Protein backbone atom coordinates (compact mmCIF):
# COMPACT_ATOMS: atom_id res chain seq x y z
CA MET A 1 0.00 0.00 0.00
CA PRO A 2 1.40 3.48 -0.88
CA LYS A 3 2.39 5.36 2.25
CA HIS A 4 -0.01 8.22 1.63
CA LEU A 5 -2.98 5.84 1.79
CA LEU A 6 -2.24 5.31 5.46
CA THR A 7 -3.37 8.89 5.97
CA LEU A 8 -6.68 8.24 4.24
CA THR A 9 -7.35 5.25 6.45
CA ALA A 10 -6.74 7.39 9.50
CA LEU A 11 -9.15 9.99 8.13
CA GLY A 12 -11.87 7.43 7.56
CA LEU A 13 -11.76 8.00 3.79
CA ALA A 14 -10.03 4.85 2.56
CA THR A 15 -13.07 2.74 3.32
CA LEU A 16 -13.16 0.87 0.02
CA PRO A 17 -10.41 -1.01 -1.81
CA ALA A 18 -9.22 0.14 -5.23
CA THR A 19 -11.31 -2.54 -6.94
CA ALA A 20 -14.46 -1.76 -5.04
CA ALA A 21 -16.95 -1.71 -7.89
CA SER A 22 -18.55 -4.87 -6.52
CA ALA A 23 -19.12 -3.10 -3.21
CA ILE A 24 -21.19 -0.35 -4.84
CA PRO A 25 -24.97 -0.80 -4.83
CA GLN A 26 -26.25 -1.57 -8.32
CA SER A 27 -28.65 1.35 -8.01
CA ALA A 28 -25.66 3.68 -7.83
CA LEU A 29 -24.06 2.41 -11.03
CA ARG A 30 -24.71 4.17 -14.32
CA THR A 31 -24.32 2.50 -17.68
CA PRO A 32 -22.01 4.66 -19.83
CA HIS A 33 -23.86 6.55 -22.57
CA SER A 34 -27.26 5.30 -21.44
CA ASP A 35 -30.25 7.03 -23.05
CA ALA A 36 -32.16 6.95 -19.76
CA PRO A 37 -32.84 10.35 -18.17
CA PRO A 38 -29.83 11.06 -15.96
CA ALA A 39 -30.06 11.50 -12.23
CA ARG A 40 -28.48 14.58 -10.71
CA PRO A 41 -24.90 14.62 -11.91
CA ASN A 42 -21.84 14.34 -9.77
CA ILE A 43 -19.48 17.31 -10.09
CA ILE A 44 -15.69 17.41 -9.98
CA LEU A 45 -14.15 20.87 -10.32
CA ILE A 46 -10.36 20.73 -10.77
CA LEU A 47 -8.31 23.90 -10.48
CA ALA A 48 -4.61 23.50 -11.29
CA ASP A 49 -2.21 26.13 -9.94
CA ASP A 50 -0.05 28.21 -12.33
CA LEU A 51 -0.71 25.86 -15.27
CA GLY A 52 -0.36 27.95 -18.42
CA TYR A 53 -2.36 27.62 -21.62
CA GLY A 54 0.78 26.33 -23.32
CA ASP A 55 1.59 23.69 -20.70
CA LEU A 56 -0.43 20.99 -22.49
CA ALA A 57 0.53 18.95 -25.52
CA CYS A 58 -2.95 19.44 -26.97
CA HIS A 59 -2.20 23.18 -27.11
CA GLY A 60 0.90 22.65 -29.21
CA ASN A 61 3.56 22.08 -26.56
CA PRO A 62 6.13 19.87 -28.33
CA THR A 63 7.86 18.68 -25.16
CA VAL A 64 5.45 18.15 -22.28
CA LYS A 65 3.72 14.79 -21.80
CA THR A 66 -0.01 15.09 -21.03
CA PRO A 67 -1.70 12.05 -22.62
CA ARG A 68 -4.65 11.86 -20.19
CA LEU A 69 -5.47 15.56 -20.37
CA ASP A 70 -5.09 15.49 -24.15
CA LYS A 71 -7.55 12.60 -24.42
CA PHE A 72 -9.91 14.34 -22.02
CA ALA A 73 -9.71 17.48 -24.16
CA ARG A 74 -10.71 15.49 -27.23
CA GLU A 75 -13.74 14.11 -25.36
CA SER A 76 -14.82 17.45 -23.90
CA ILE A 77 -16.26 20.82 -24.64
CA GLU A 78 -13.21 23.08 -24.73
CA LEU A 79 -13.63 26.80 -24.09
CA THR A 80 -10.65 28.36 -25.82
CA SER A 81 -11.39 31.92 -24.66
CA PHE A 82 -11.83 31.20 -20.96
CA ARG A 83 -10.30 33.77 -18.62
CA VAL A 84 -9.58 34.07 -14.92
CA SER A 85 -7.91 36.59 -12.65
CA PRO A 86 -4.14 37.17 -13.02
CA VAL A 87 -3.40 35.54 -9.64
CA SER A 88 -4.61 32.78 -7.36
CA ALA A 89 -6.89 33.96 -4.54
CA PRO A 90 -9.00 36.33 -6.68
CA THR A 91 -9.65 33.50 -9.16
CA ARG A 92 -10.68 31.15 -6.34
CA ALA A 93 -13.04 33.74 -4.88
CA SER A 94 -14.77 34.33 -8.23
CA THR A 95 -14.89 30.63 -9.13
CA LEU A 96 -16.61 29.63 -5.89
CA THR A 97 -19.06 32.57 -5.70
CA GLY A 98 -19.86 33.48 -9.31
CA ARG A 99 -18.98 37.08 -8.45
CA TRP A 100 -16.18 39.49 -9.23
CA ASN A 101 -13.50 39.03 -6.61
CA PHE A 102 -13.60 42.64 -5.38
CA ARG A 103 -17.19 42.05 -4.23
CA THR A 104 -16.04 39.10 -2.11
CA GLY A 105 -13.33 41.04 -0.24
CA VAL A 106 -10.42 39.30 -2.01
CA PRO A 107 -8.27 41.76 -3.99
CA ASP A 108 -4.87 40.14 -3.53
CA VAL A 109 -2.94 36.99 -2.65
CA ARG A 110 -1.39 38.09 0.63
CA PRO A 111 -3.00 36.67 3.78
CA GLN A 112 -4.67 39.89 4.93
CA SER A 113 -6.10 40.48 1.43
CA ALA A 114 -7.17 36.90 0.69
CA GLN A 115 -9.88 36.60 3.35
CA ILE A 116 -13.19 35.88 1.71
CA ASP A 117 -16.16 37.57 3.35
CA PRO A 118 -17.94 34.83 5.36
CA ALA A 119 -21.23 36.39 4.25
CA GLU A 120 -20.52 35.17 0.71
CA ILE A 121 -22.38 32.07 -0.47
CA LEU A 122 -19.95 29.54 -1.93
CA ILE A 123 -21.16 26.93 -4.37
CA ALA A 124 -20.76 24.09 -1.88
CA ALA A 125 -23.46 25.53 0.39
CA PRO A 126 -26.51 25.31 -1.93
CA LEU A 127 -25.32 21.94 -3.22
CA LYS A 128 -25.01 20.62 0.32
CA ALA A 129 -28.48 21.93 1.13
CA ALA A 130 -29.76 20.07 -1.93
CA GLY A 131 -28.38 16.75 -0.68
CA TYR A 132 -24.94 16.65 -2.24
CA ALA A 133 -21.94 15.34 -0.35
CA THR A 134 -19.35 18.11 -0.63
CA ALA A 135 -15.58 17.96 -0.34
CA MET A 136 -12.51 20.10 -0.94
CA PHE A 137 -9.00 18.67 -1.25
CA GLY A 138 -6.10 21.01 -1.98
CA LYS A 139 -5.33 24.73 -1.81
CA TRP A 140 -7.86 26.97 -0.06
CA HIS A 141 -6.17 30.42 -0.03
CA LEU A 142 -9.35 32.25 1.00
CA GLY A 143 -8.87 32.43 4.76
CA ASN A 144 -7.82 30.44 7.76
CA VAL A 145 -8.43 26.71 7.49
CA THR A 146 -8.91 25.91 11.18
CA ALA A 147 -12.29 24.59 12.22
CA LYS A 148 -13.43 27.63 14.20
CA THR A 149 -12.78 30.19 11.45
CA LYS A 150 -15.85 31.70 9.79
CA ASN A 151 -14.30 31.64 6.33
CA SER A 152 -12.76 28.18 6.48
CA PRO A 153 -13.88 25.68 3.83
CA ASN A 154 -15.77 23.63 6.42
CA ALA A 155 -17.65 26.72 7.58
CA LEU A 156 -18.64 27.62 4.02
CA GLY A 157 -20.30 24.40 2.92
CA PHE A 158 -17.70 21.64 2.54
CA ASP A 159 -18.39 18.45 4.52
CA GLU A 160 -14.92 16.99 4.07
CA THR A 161 -11.69 18.97 3.66
CA LEU A 162 -8.00 18.26 3.39
CA THR A 163 -5.95 21.39 2.88
CA PHE A 164 -3.05 23.51 4.12
CA ALA A 165 -2.66 26.91 5.69
CA GLY A 166 -1.51 29.98 3.82
CA SER A 167 -1.15 30.81 0.15
CA ALA A 168 1.29 28.05 -0.83
CA LEU A 169 2.35 24.62 0.33
CA ARG A 170 6.11 24.68 0.94
CA GLN A 171 6.63 20.98 1.61
CA TYR A 172 5.29 18.73 -1.14
CA PHE A 173 6.61 15.47 0.28
CA ASP A 174 5.01 14.31 3.57
CA PRO A 175 3.24 17.69 3.85
CA PRO A 176 1.66 18.95 7.08
CA LEU A 177 -2.03 19.32 6.30
CA TYR A 178 -5.36 20.08 7.97
CA HIS A 179 -8.20 17.56 7.95
CA ASN A 180 -11.51 19.28 8.66
CA GLY A 181 -9.61 22.08 10.37
CA ALA A 182 -7.34 19.92 12.55
CA PRO A 183 -3.61 19.54 11.83
CA ILE A 184 -2.39 16.11 10.74
CA LYS A 185 0.79 14.51 9.43
CA THR A 186 0.83 12.79 6.05
CA LYS A 187 3.06 10.52 3.98
CA GLY A 188 3.66 10.83 0.25
CA TYR A 189 3.60 13.47 -2.49
CA SER A 190 0.93 16.16 -2.15
CA GLN A 191 -0.53 15.58 -5.62
CA ASP A 192 -1.08 11.89 -4.82
CA ILE A 193 -2.43 12.63 -1.35
CA PHE A 194 -5.10 15.06 -2.57
CA THR A 195 -6.05 12.80 -5.49
CA ASP A 196 -6.35 9.71 -3.31
CA ALA A 197 -8.52 11.62 -0.87
CA ALA A 198 -10.82 12.58 -3.76
CA ILE A 199 -10.94 9.01 -5.05
CA ALA A 200 -11.75 7.65 -1.60
CA PHE A 201 -14.51 10.25 -1.21
CA ILE A 202 -15.95 9.26 -4.60
CA ARG A 203 -16.07 5.60 -3.61
CA LYS A 204 -17.56 6.35 -0.22
CA THR A 205 -20.36 8.60 -1.50
CA THR A 206 -21.10 6.40 -4.51
CA ALA A 207 -21.46 3.42 -2.19
CA ALA A 208 -24.00 5.48 -0.23
CA ASN A 209 -25.83 6.26 -3.51
CA LYS A 210 -25.38 9.98 -2.93
CA PRO A 211 -24.37 12.63 -5.49
CA PHE A 212 -21.14 14.46 -4.77
CA PHE A 213 -19.44 17.77 -5.45
CA ILE A 214 -15.66 17.72 -5.21
CA TYR A 215 -13.57 20.85 -5.46
CA LEU A 216 -10.01 19.77 -6.20
CA PRO A 217 -7.72 22.83 -6.25
CA TYR A 218 -4.29 21.27 -6.66
CA ASN A 219 -1.19 23.08 -5.41
CA LEU A 220 0.75 21.93 -8.49
CA ILE A 221 2.43 23.36 -10.50
CA HIS A 222 3.07 26.29 -8.15
CA THR A 223 6.52 26.85 -6.68
CA PRO A 224 8.52 25.51 -4.94
CA LEU A 225 9.50 23.22 -7.78
CA GLN A 226 9.43 19.91 -5.92
CA VAL A 227 8.74 16.82 -8.00
CA PRO A 228 9.43 13.07 -7.86
CA THR A 229 12.77 12.38 -9.51
CA ASP A 230 11.37 9.87 -12.00
CA LEU A 231 8.94 12.45 -13.41
CA GLU A 232 11.62 15.09 -13.76
CA ASN A 233 13.95 12.57 -15.39
CA GLU A 234 11.44 12.05 -18.23
CA TYR A 235 12.67 15.38 -19.59
CA ASP A 236 16.40 14.66 -19.43
CA ASN A 237 18.57 15.17 -22.51
CA LEU A 238 16.17 17.67 -24.09
CA GLY A 239 18.26 20.76 -23.46
CA LEU A 240 15.77 22.25 -21.00
CA ARG A 241 16.73 24.32 -18.00
CA ASP A 242 16.46 22.62 -14.64
CA SER A 243 13.42 24.71 -13.65
CA THR A 244 11.52 23.83 -16.83
CA ARG A 245 12.29 20.12 -16.42
CA LYS A 246 10.85 20.28 -12.92
CA ILE A 247 7.77 22.21 -14.09
CA TYR A 248 7.06 19.70 -16.86
CA GLY A 249 7.60 16.87 -14.38
CA MET A 250 4.98 18.46 -12.14
CA VAL A 251 2.63 18.79 -15.13
CA ARG A 252 3.20 15.08 -15.72
CA SER A 253 2.10 14.40 -12.14
CA VAL A 254 -1.08 16.42 -12.66
CA ASP A 255 -1.78 14.48 -15.84
CA THR A 256 -1.19 11.06 -14.26
CA THR A 257 -3.30 11.70 -11.17
CA PHE A 258 -6.05 13.21 -13.30
CA GLY A 259 -6.07 9.98 -15.25
CA ARG A 260 -6.44 7.94 -12.07
CA LEU A 261 -9.41 10.08 -11.10
CA LEU A 262 -11.10 9.48 -14.45
CA ASP A 263 -10.35 5.76 -14.25
CA THR A 264 -12.16 5.64 -10.91
CA LEU A 265 -15.29 7.16 -12.44
CA LYS A 266 -15.23 4.58 -15.20
CA THR A 267 -14.63 1.67 -12.84
CA LEU A 268 -17.55 2.70 -10.65
CA GLY A 269 -19.85 3.17 -13.64
CA ILE A 270 -20.51 6.85 -12.94
CA GLU A 271 -18.44 8.39 -15.73
CA ASN A 272 -21.48 9.11 -17.91
CA ASN A 273 -23.24 11.27 -15.37
CA THR A 274 -20.31 13.10 -13.82
CA LEU A 275 -19.53 16.63 -14.95
CA VAL A 276 -15.75 17.05 -14.80
CA ILE A 277 -14.36 20.57 -15.20
CA PHE A 278 -10.64 21.19 -15.55
CA LEU A 279 -9.02 24.65 -15.59
CA SER A 280 -6.15 26.64 -14.11
CA ASP A 281 -6.17 29.60 -11.71
CA ASN A 282 -3.92 31.85 -13.82
CA GLY A 283 -1.12 31.77 -16.36
CA PRO A 284 2.45 30.48 -15.97
CA CYS A 285 4.68 31.79 -13.22
CA SER A 286 8.07 33.34 -13.85
CA SER A 287 10.16 30.53 -12.37
CA SER A 288 11.61 29.36 -15.70
CA LYS A 289 14.23 31.79 -17.05
CA PRO A 290 15.30 32.05 -19.81
CA PHE A 291 11.85 31.11 -20.97
CA ASP A 292 12.22 27.76 -22.69
CA ARG A 293 8.75 26.97 -21.35
CA TYR A 294 6.23 26.84 -24.19
CA MET A 295 3.88 29.87 -24.15
CA ALA A 296 1.54 29.00 -27.07
CA GLY A 297 2.33 32.37 -28.67
CA LEU A 298 0.60 34.30 -25.90
CA ARG A 299 1.94 37.47 -24.32
CA GLY A 300 2.64 37.97 -20.62
CA LEU A 301 2.90 35.84 -17.50
CA LYS A 302 1.01 35.16 -14.30
CA GLY A 303 0.36 38.47 -12.56
CA THR A 304 -0.07 40.44 -15.79
CA VAL A 305 -3.33 41.24 -17.54
CA TYR A 306 -2.03 40.18 -20.93
CA GLU A 307 -3.50 36.98 -22.37
CA ASN A 308 -0.90 34.60 -20.98
CA GLY A 309 -1.73 35.86 -17.49
CA ILE A 310 -5.49 35.36 -17.68
CA ARG A 311 -6.39 32.98 -20.53
CA VAL A 312 -6.24 29.40 -19.30
CA PRO A 313 -7.13 25.86 -20.37
CA CYS A 314 -10.76 24.98 -19.68
CA PHE A 315 -12.39 21.64 -20.50
CA MET A 316 -15.83 20.33 -19.49
CA ARG A 317 -16.96 16.74 -19.99
CA TRP A 318 -20.41 15.39 -19.14
CA PRO A 319 -21.27 12.53 -21.53
CA ALA A 320 -24.91 12.31 -20.43
CA ALA A 321 -25.53 15.94 -21.45
CA PHE A 322 -22.75 16.96 -23.85
CA LYS A 323 -23.20 14.36 -26.57
CA THR A 324 -20.53 15.59 -28.96
CA PRO A 325 -17.11 17.09 -28.16
CA ALA A 326 -16.75 20.63 -29.42
CA THR A 327 -14.65 23.78 -29.29
CA ILE A 328 -16.26 27.02 -28.14
CA THR A 329 -14.47 30.25 -28.97
CA ARG A 330 -17.01 32.58 -27.35
CA PRO A 331 -15.59 34.24 -24.21
CA ALA A 332 -16.38 32.97 -20.72
CA ALA A 333 -14.82 33.30 -17.29
CA HIS A 334 -14.46 31.94 -13.78
CA ILE A 335 -17.61 33.81 -12.65
CA ASP A 336 -19.67 31.51 -14.90
CA LEU A 337 -18.86 28.25 -13.13
CA PHE A 338 -21.12 28.81 -10.10
CA PRO A 339 -24.35 29.32 -12.09
CA THR A 340 -23.40 26.63 -14.62
CA ILE A 341 -22.81 23.96 -11.99
CA LEU A 342 -26.00 24.81 -10.10
CA ALA A 343 -27.99 24.66 -13.34
CA ALA A 344 -26.48 21.27 -14.17
CA CYS A 345 -27.55 20.00 -10.75
CA GLU A 346 -30.99 21.63 -11.04
CA VAL A 347 -30.31 23.53 -7.84
CA PRO A 348 -31.74 27.08 -7.80
CA VAL A 349 -29.43 30.01 -7.23
CA PRO A 350 -30.02 31.28 -3.67
CA PRO A 351 -32.15 34.42 -3.83
CA THR A 352 -29.55 36.44 -1.93
CA CYS A 353 -26.84 35.71 -4.52
CA ALA A 354 -26.24 38.65 -6.85
CA LEU A 355 -24.26 36.80 -9.50
CA ASP A 356 -22.02 38.34 -12.13
CA GLY A 357 -21.61 35.13 -14.13
CA ILE A 358 -24.10 33.38 -16.39
CA ASN A 359 -25.22 29.78 -16.91
CA LEU A 360 -23.18 28.32 -19.77
CA LEU A 361 -25.26 25.14 -20.16
CA PRO A 362 -27.20 26.37 -23.23
CA ILE A 363 -24.04 26.95 -25.26
CA LEU A 364 -22.30 23.88 -23.84
CA LYS A 365 -25.20 21.76 -25.06
CA ASN A 366 -25.51 23.68 -28.33
CA PRO A 367 -22.19 25.33 -29.20
CA LYS A 368 -23.72 26.96 -32.28
CA GLY A 369 -26.62 28.47 -30.36
CA ASP A 370 -27.25 32.05 -29.33
CA TYR A 371 -24.84 33.63 -26.88
CA PRO A 372 -24.89 37.17 -25.49
CA ASP A 373 -22.25 39.78 -26.17
CA ARG A 374 -20.31 40.14 -22.93
CA THR A 375 -17.65 42.33 -21.35
CA PHE A 376 -15.16 41.05 -18.76
CA TYR A 377 -12.90 42.91 -16.34
CA PHE A 378 -9.74 41.69 -14.65
CA GLN A 379 -7.43 43.61 -12.35
CA TRP A 380 -4.52 42.93 -10.05
CA ASP A 381 -2.23 45.71 -8.91
CA SER A 382 -0.79 43.78 -5.93
CA ALA A 383 -2.30 46.25 -3.46
CA PRO A 384 -4.27 45.24 -0.33
CA VAL A 385 -6.94 47.79 -1.30
CA PRO A 386 -7.93 47.99 -4.99
CA ARG A 387 -6.71 51.13 -6.74
CA ARG A 388 -8.72 52.59 -9.57
CA GLY A 389 -6.98 52.38 -12.91
CA GLN A 390 -4.05 50.21 -11.86
CA ALA A 391 -3.08 47.11 -13.89
CA TYR A 392 -6.42 46.17 -15.46
CA THR A 393 -7.97 44.94 -18.67
CA VAL A 394 -11.40 45.11 -20.29
CA VAL A 395 -12.20 42.24 -22.67
CA THR A 396 -14.99 41.94 -25.21
CA GLU A 397 -15.30 39.30 -27.90
CA GLN A 398 -13.32 41.43 -30.35
CA TRP A 399 -11.48 44.08 -28.39
CA LYS A 400 -9.17 44.12 -25.41
CA LEU A 401 -8.14 47.28 -23.58
CA VAL A 402 -4.96 46.82 -21.51
CA GLN A 403 -3.58 49.17 -18.88
CA PRO A 404 -0.68 46.96 -17.72
CA CYS A 405 1.11 49.25 -15.27
CA GLY A 406 0.65 49.73 -11.55
CA MET A 407 2.17 46.73 -9.80
CA ASP A 408 4.52 48.93 -7.78
CA ASP A 409 4.72 46.71 -4.70
CA PRO A 410 8.39 45.82 -4.06
CA ASN A 411 7.34 42.22 -3.43
CA GLN A 412 6.29 41.96 -7.08
CA ALA A 413 9.57 43.15 -8.57
CA HIS A 414 10.26 39.62 -9.80
CA ILE A 415 7.11 39.67 -11.93
CA ARG A 416 8.07 42.99 -13.51
CA ALA A 417 11.62 41.77 -14.18
CA ALA A 418 10.44 38.45 -15.60
CA TYR A 419 7.99 40.18 -17.93
CA ALA A 420 10.73 42.51 -19.21
CA GLU A 421 13.03 39.53 -19.82
CA LEU A 422 10.30 37.61 -21.63
CA CYS A 423 9.64 40.61 -23.89
CA ARG A 424 13.34 40.84 -24.67
CA GLN A 425 13.47 37.18 -25.66
CA GLN A 426 10.33 37.53 -27.77
CA ASN A 427 11.74 40.66 -29.46
CA ARG A 428 8.96 42.83 -28.06
CA ALA A 429 11.01 45.97 -27.51
CA GLU A 430 7.93 48.20 -27.43
CA ASN A 431 6.20 48.34 -24.04
CA ALA A 432 8.56 45.78 -22.52
CA THR A 433 7.87 47.10 -19.05
CA ILE A 434 4.91 47.18 -16.69
CA ASP A 435 6.57 49.83 -14.53
CA GLY A 436 5.79 53.51 -14.70
CA PRO A 437 2.67 55.59 -15.33
CA ALA A 438 -0.53 54.27 -16.84
CA ARG A 439 -0.62 53.58 -20.56
CA TYR A 440 -3.44 52.25 -22.71
CA GLU A 441 -3.14 49.56 -25.34
CA LEU A 442 -5.92 48.21 -27.54
CA TYR A 443 -5.83 44.86 -29.30
CA ASN A 444 -8.18 43.24 -31.79
CA LEU A 445 -8.35 39.72 -30.37
CA ALA A 446 -10.16 38.44 -33.44
CA THR A 447 -7.09 39.06 -35.59
CA ASP A 448 -4.31 39.49 -33.02
CA PRO A 449 -4.66 37.10 -30.05
CA ALA A 450 -0.91 37.46 -29.41
CA GLU A 451 -1.40 41.16 -28.63
CA THR A 452 1.32 42.42 -30.97
CA GLN A 453 -0.43 45.32 -32.74
CA ASN A 454 -1.56 48.19 -30.52
CA GLN A 455 -4.65 49.79 -32.07
CA ALA A 456 -5.21 52.48 -29.43
CA THR A 457 -4.16 55.38 -31.66
CA ALA A 458 -6.31 54.14 -34.53
CA HIS A 459 -9.43 53.67 -32.39
CA PRO A 460 -9.52 56.30 -29.62
CA GLU A 461 -13.30 56.04 -29.44
CA ILE A 462 -13.10 52.35 -28.47
CA VAL A 463 -10.44 53.11 -25.87
CA ALA A 464 -12.63 55.83 -24.35
CA LYS A 465 -15.69 53.56 -24.31
CA LEU A 466 -13.90 50.66 -22.61
CA LYS A 467 -12.21 52.99 -20.09
CA ALA A 468 -15.62 54.34 -19.11
CA GLN A 469 -17.01 50.83 -18.74
CA TYR A 470 -14.10 49.87 -16.53
CA ASP A 471 -14.59 52.95 -14.37
CA ALA A 472 -18.25 52.06 -13.79
CA TRP A 473 -17.33 48.45 -13.04
CA PHE A 474 -14.68 49.45 -10.51
CA THR A 475 -17.05 51.86 -8.76
CA ASP A 476 -19.64 49.10 -8.46
CA THR A 477 -17.47 46.14 -7.46
CA ALA A 478 -15.08 47.93 -5.08
CA LYS A 479 -17.79 49.57 -2.98
CA ARG A 480 -16.64 47.94 0.24
CA TRP A 481 -13.41 49.98 0.12
CA SER A 482 -15.10 53.30 -0.64
CA PRO A 483 -14.71 55.99 2.07
């Protein structure tokens, strides 16, 4: 038995053996691709950490090995214009609430600025009230994780949790974790530990014939770059820097454990009626320099509001409802996951929830159907209190207004330096800095997704319109910080 499974036994999660299909009641099993009306679906929401759009082979990366994610992508609805916040905690706040992160009290990643308002309704709460078993295994980063804290995951709707304190796990092997708010010791690699906890929870709830919602926010591939040696060694003799070899080894771990999760669904006969969503919390970090990490032709890094900071992989597979794999190019964002998941589960949105996102089910089921014109806003200026006009973008289907400057916090100097170095290597001499006063850039995403041709001078009227829309959005969403 792998050492990390000893932890699950102690937690009361490893209640079924790996080949436990025979232990599951027949009423809980679903025949794959059955034409019978599906019961309420199970939901698995996977949020990788710092996984860039170009970190998958299916997105053109010639080096990385992601066979399970590639196969999943081919079987899924892929949203190729899916965007999130430039950094971790704001993305998590919006994903779990369906609201812009400023509304939730989470403007930044630092502990004092990553405390979600306990008055917010997270998606686990209405699902739990509707009879779902709810669990969270991985990175919280929205408040204290101890049991008595009002904004801990257990306090906000999750029945079962296995997580760690703070914004990042620093010890990936035998990590100190918290089980339902109490500290515990573990054995093994964090990616395996969190995945095995999810698999054990799936078996346990399926045996009880109960639908489940699992939020699986992995800490990989965030720094520190700690990875099993055998996974890193897969990228030997390719001329890659040590940091990139480690990053791709960590991607390999994500891919392998994701495959084990999918295999469990198939073994238990619940694959057909389980909605699996896979995405990342922001773009690639700056830990690989020079940048031999594949960027898929996108500009920027994590922490910037250029496309490589906010455009991420997003795949959704639900065979019972999404009959044919498809690619959707219409824009969507993290704020849409809350209403989409509730709609899939036929759980009404709580009347006190003022959502910013929309239900994507109609277009997921009919990718060629009607879809509204939408405008999205993303900002991160690394300040504990949001500052109007600092480091933001406004995105429509065609146009993108970028004001990239304003991250003047000394703690973010590495992001500014990494961006400048990336621009140098990509021969982007113009605007190779995100220091200094505000500047406004306008890109036609329909023809220039790499953000190489600034159209601001040619279209001042569009710049003025989008600036005004941003100003109204900031006034509305940042009300809690108004004097």
